[in-house]
Amino acid sequence: MGSHEIATAVAGAREYLSAHPEEARYRDSAATATVQDGLRVRVDGPDGASLTTDMVSAVGGGGTAPSPAWLFRAGYASCVATLISLAAAVEGIELTGLQVTVDSESDDRGILGIDPSVPAGPLSVRVAVRVVSANADQDRVRAIVDWGSSHCPVDDLVRRAVPVELVVEVG
């Protein structure tokens, strides 16, 4: 889809959901993870979507697929890039280059349970955006980057620390 089609689709969705706010809230499609072998896991989603994760051999994995944490960073980067592209299309800004890199700093003592004072997750996350526009000044480009980041659901999940409910069924 080109920029014009994206802008038209967003305008239509905004108009519809403004008139029907009760239809804006929904349960996101589930991801179901099933252990295949050792630390290799297949994740299935809607419409036949699937992917596989694995851990590095240093912790007992086979190193045959990306780790879950890398997929989180990949999802984060692609989400921010998508929302920046969406904002650019809506604002009529032509992007001739857009690259979003997400990296993080971690301490394996947390995930391995060595030190209870060390969190299992990343200690920090960095989102780096490289963007080039053919028709907009730096302020307008910065504004769409800020909008894209602040409207990315993955970025929001990280910043807002959404409550998590753990449901366990043994049997």
Protein backbone atom coordinates (compact mmCIF):
# COMPACT_ATOMS: atom_id res chain seq x y z
CA MET A 1 0.00 0.00 0.00
CA GLY A 2 1.29 3.45 -0.87
CA SER A 3 1.20 6.57 1.30
CA HIS A 4 -2.08 7.81 -0.17
CA GLU A 5 -3.83 4.49 0.45
CA ILE A 6 -2.46 4.35 4.01
CA ALA A 7 -3.66 7.90 4.74
CA THR A 8 -7.10 7.09 3.29
CA ALA A 9 -7.38 3.87 5.33
CA VAL A 10 -6.36 5.65 8.55
CA ALA A 11 -8.85 8.46 7.92
CA GLY A 12 -11.62 5.91 7.37
CA ALA A 13 -10.71 3.95 10.51
CA ARG A 14 -10.55 7.13 12.60
CA GLU A 15 -13.91 8.31 11.31
CA TYR A 16 -15.57 4.94 11.90
CA LEU A 17 -14.15 4.40 15.39
CA SER A 18 -14.97 7.97 16.41
CA ALA A 19 -18.60 7.24 15.49
CA HIS A 20 -18.50 3.72 17.04
CA PRO A 21 -16.12 3.88 20.03
CA GLU A 22 -17.56 0.66 21.48
CA GLU A 23 -15.96 -1.22 18.56
CA ALA A 24 -12.48 0.18 19.21
CA ARG A 25 -11.75 -2.10 22.17
CA TYR A 26 -11.07 -5.78 21.57
CA ARG A 27 -8.97 -8.72 22.75
CA ASP A 28 -5.79 -9.04 20.70
CA SER A 29 -5.17 -12.31 18.87
CA ALA A 30 -3.45 -14.89 21.04
CA ALA A 31 0.02 -16.33 20.59
CA THR A 32 0.27 -19.93 21.81
CA ALA A 33 3.73 -21.32 22.58
CA THR A 34 4.35 -25.08 22.58
CA VAL A 35 7.68 -26.59 23.59
CA GLN A 36 8.93 -28.79 20.74
CA ASP A 37 12.25 -30.03 22.06
CA GLY A 38 14.37 -28.75 24.93
CA LEU A 39 14.23 -24.95 24.69
CA ARG A 40 12.97 -24.87 21.09
CA VAL A 41 9.44 -23.46 21.04
CA ARG A 42 6.88 -23.10 18.25
CA VAL A 43 4.50 -20.16 18.56
CA ASP A 44 1.20 -20.25 16.66
CA GLY A 45 -1.08 -17.32 16.00
CA PRO A 46 -4.03 -16.31 13.86
CA ASP A 47 -4.51 -17.34 10.24
CA GLY A 48 -1.75 -19.94 10.32
CA ALA A 49 0.99 -17.55 11.44
CA SER A 50 3.81 -19.30 13.27
CA LEU A 51 7.39 -18.82 14.32
CA THR A 52 10.03 -20.69 16.28
CA THR A 53 12.30 -19.55 19.09
CA ASP A 54 15.31 -21.17 20.66
CA MET A 55 17.92 -20.23 23.21
CA VAL A 56 21.68 -20.16 22.79
CA SER A 57 23.67 -23.31 23.49
CA ALA A 58 25.30 -21.72 26.57
CA VAL A 59 21.99 -22.14 28.44
CA GLY A 60 20.98 -25.47 26.90
CA GLY A 61 19.30 -24.36 23.69
CA GLY A 62 20.20 -25.36 20.19
CA GLY A 63 20.72 -21.85 18.87
CA THR A 64 18.59 -22.78 15.85
CA ALA A 65 16.21 -19.81 15.94
CA PRO A 66 16.01 -16.30 17.39
CA SER A 67 15.53 -16.00 21.13
CA PRO A 68 12.23 -14.72 22.55
CA ALA A 69 14.00 -11.56 23.75
CA TRP A 70 15.37 -10.86 20.27
CA LEU A 71 11.88 -11.30 18.82
CA PHE A 72 10.64 -8.77 21.38
CA ARG A 73 13.24 -6.26 20.15
CA ALA A 74 12.35 -7.09 16.54
CA GLY A 75 8.66 -6.54 17.25
CA TYR A 76 9.43 -3.28 19.04
CA ALA A 77 11.57 -1.99 16.15
CA SER A 78 9.04 -2.96 13.48
CA CYS A 79 6.16 -1.48 15.49
CA VAL A 80 7.90 1.90 15.85
CA ALA A 81 8.87 1.87 12.15
CA THR A 82 5.29 1.04 11.16
CA LEU A 83 3.77 3.82 13.25
CA ILE A 84 6.30 6.40 11.99
CA SER A 85 5.45 5.35 8.41
CA LEU A 86 1.74 5.62 9.20
CA ALA A 87 2.19 9.13 10.66
CA ALA A 88 4.26 10.20 7.66
CA ALA A 89 1.57 8.99 5.26
CA VAL A 90 -1.17 10.80 7.18
CA GLU A 91 0.88 14.03 7.26
CA GLY A 92 1.91 13.80 3.61
CA ILE A 93 5.58 13.47 4.49
CA GLU A 94 7.63 11.44 2.04
CA LEU A 95 10.17 9.24 3.78
CA THR A 96 13.08 8.22 1.56
CA GLY A 97 14.73 6.27 4.35
CA LEU A 98 13.64 4.88 7.70
CA GLN A 99 15.54 2.50 9.95
CA VAL A 100 14.66 1.69 13.55
CA THR A 101 17.08 -0.25 15.72
CA VAL A 102 16.15 -1.50 19.19
CA ASP A 103 18.81 -2.87 21.48
CA SER A 104 18.95 -3.50 25.18
CA GLU A 105 21.32 -4.16 28.04
CA SER A 106 20.73 -7.30 30.09
CA ASP A 107 22.34 -9.17 32.96
CA ASP A 108 22.09 -12.97 32.63
CA ARG A 109 22.28 -13.39 36.40
CA GLY A 110 18.61 -12.37 36.46
CA ILE A 111 17.23 -14.81 33.88
CA LEU A 112 19.32 -17.65 35.36
CA GLY A 113 18.20 -16.93 38.93
CA ILE A 114 21.73 -16.36 40.21
CA ASP A 115 21.04 -13.05 41.94
CA PRO A 116 17.47 -12.21 43.04
CA SER A 117 18.30 -8.49 43.02
CA VAL A 118 18.95 -8.59 39.25
CA PRO A 119 15.83 -8.38 37.05
CA ALA A 120 15.24 -11.15 34.51
CA GLY A 121 14.42 -8.64 31.79
CA PRO A 122 16.46 -5.89 30.18
CA LEU A 123 18.04 -3.28 32.41
CA SER A 124 17.56 -0.65 29.70
CA VAL A 125 16.25 -0.40 26.16
CA ARG A 126 17.37 1.99 23.42
CA VAL A 127 15.34 2.86 20.32
CA ALA A 128 17.46 4.50 17.60
CA VAL A 129 15.71 6.00 14.57
CA ARG A 130 17.43 7.05 11.34
CA VAL A 131 15.03 8.87 9.06
CA VAL A 132 15.33 10.85 5.83
CA SER A 133 12.56 12.89 4.23
CA ALA A 134 12.41 14.40 0.77
CA ASN A 135 9.82 17.06 1.60
CA ALA A 136 9.79 17.90 5.32
CA ASP A 137 12.00 19.88 7.67
CA GLN A 138 13.63 18.41 10.78
CA ASP A 139 10.89 19.62 13.14
CA ARG A 140 8.10 17.93 11.14
CA VAL A 141 10.12 14.74 10.80
CA ARG A 142 10.92 14.74 14.53
CA ALA A 143 7.20 15.24 15.26
CA ILE A 144 6.19 12.13 13.29
CA VAL A 145 8.96 10.11 14.94
CA ASP A 146 7.72 11.21 18.38
CA TRP A 147 4.11 10.43 17.37
CA GLY A 148 5.07 7.02 15.99
CA SER A 149 6.97 6.07 19.12
CA SER A 150 4.27 7.28 21.49
CA HIS A 151 1.51 5.46 19.56
CA CYS A 152 3.39 2.18 19.09
CA PRO A 153 1.59 -0.44 21.23
CA VAL A 154 4.87 -2.21 22.03
CA ASP A 155 6.52 1.04 23.17
CA ASP A 156 3.45 1.78 25.28
CA LEU A 157 3.55 -1.71 26.81
CA VAL A 158 7.14 -1.15 27.93
CA ARG A 159 6.69 2.38 29.22
CA ARG A 160 3.35 1.84 30.96
CA ALA A 161 4.14 -1.52 32.58
CA VAL A 162 0.77 -3.09 31.76
CA PRO A 163 -0.63 -5.44 34.43
CA VAL A 164 -0.13 -9.12 33.64
CA GLU A 165 -2.41 -11.91 34.84
CA LEU A 166 -0.79 -15.34 35.09
CA VAL A 167 -3.36 -18.15 34.74
CA VAL A 168 -2.04 -21.64 35.54
CA GLU A 169 -3.82 -24.91 34.75
CA VAL A 170 -2.11 -28.04 36.05
CA GLY A 171 -3.32 -31.38 34.88
